[in-house]
């Protein structure tokens, strides 16, 4: 069973604003990055489309750092 607020790949918090009722009205960090489709395809089928990846597993840490003012 997956938890919407945890990364299905590593189990860390995924910081998904849509999975948290307190922040569901805010844009998620994933809206500002480009995730390589190969990263998603590398996930086992059973883990796909169950919960958001964390920025580290999505391999977008650098993109997020560059986007911060």
Protein backbone atom coordinates (compact mmCIF):
# COMPACT_ATOMS: atom_id res chain seq x y z
CA UNK A 1 0.00 0.00 0.00
CA UNK A 2 1.30 3.46 -0.84
CA UNK A 3 0.86 6.67 1.12
CA UNK A 4 0.14 9.79 -0.99
CA UNK A 5 2.60 11.94 1.00
CA UNK A 6 5.53 9.51 0.66
CA UNK A 7 7.74 8.80 -2.33
CA UNK A 8 6.97 5.32 -3.66
CA UNK A 9 10.63 4.81 -4.60
CA UNK A 10 12.43 5.67 -1.34
CA UNK A 11 9.71 6.25 1.27
CA UNK A 12 10.78 9.83 2.07
CA UNK A 13 8.30 12.71 2.18
CA UNK A 14 7.51 13.75 -1.38
CA UNK A 15 6.43 17.31 -0.47
CA UNK A 16 3.41 16.99 -2.76
CA UNK A 17 1.11 19.91 -1.99
CA UNK A 18 -1.82 18.12 -3.63
CA UNK A 19 -1.52 15.17 -1.24
CA UNK A 20 -1.75 17.41 1.83
CA UNK A 21 -5.23 18.79 2.58
CA UNK A 22 -3.65 21.91 4.15
CA UNK A 23 -1.88 22.87 0.89
CA UNK A 24 -4.07 21.28 -1.78
CA UNK A 25 -4.86 24.72 -3.22
CA UNK A 26 -1.17 25.49 -3.90
CA UNK A 27 0.85 24.54 -6.97
CA UNK A 28 3.13 21.59 -6.38
CA UNK A 29 6.91 21.75 -6.83
CA UNK A 30 6.60 19.31 -9.75
CA UNK A 31 4.76 21.95 -11.80
CA UNK A 32 7.99 23.92 -12.17
CA UNK A 33 10.30 21.11 -13.29
CA UNK A 34 10.70 18.67 -16.13
CA UNK A 35 10.87 15.04 -15.03
CA UNK A 36 12.59 12.71 -17.47
CA UNK A 37 10.05 10.10 -18.59
CA UNK A 38 12.78 7.45 -18.25
CA UNK A 39 12.81 8.09 -14.47
CA UNK A 40 9.12 7.25 -14.27
CA UNK A 41 9.48 4.26 -16.58
CA UNK A 42 12.26 2.89 -14.36
CA UNK A 43 9.82 2.51 -11.47
CA UNK A 44 8.36 -0.97 -11.05
CA UNK A 45 4.88 -1.10 -12.56
CA UNK A 46 3.32 -1.67 -9.13
CA UNK A 47 4.65 1.72 -7.91
CA UNK A 48 3.67 3.85 -10.89
CA UNK A 49 0.82 6.35 -10.61
CA UNK A 50 0.29 5.64 -6.91
CA UNK A 51 2.05 8.64 -5.31
CA UNK A 52 4.43 11.41 -6.34
CA UNK A 53 8.17 10.90 -6.31
CA UNK A 54 10.29 13.08 -4.05
CA UNK A 55 12.51 15.66 -5.79
CA UNK A 56 15.61 13.48 -5.24
CA UNK A 57 14.10 10.36 -6.83
CA UNK A 58 12.58 12.47 -9.62
CA UNK A 59 16.15 13.71 -10.21
CA UNK A 60 15.10 17.37 -10.23
CA UNK A 61 16.96 18.73 -7.19
CA UNK A 62 19.18 20.90 -9.38
CA UNK A 63 16.21 22.30 -11.32
CA UNK A 64 14.52 23.28 -8.06
CA UNK A 65 17.70 24.96 -6.74
CA UNK A 66 18.06 27.02 -9.91
CA UNK A 67 14.39 28.10 -9.71
CA UNK A 68 14.74 29.51 -6.19
CA UNK A 69 15.37 33.27 -5.99
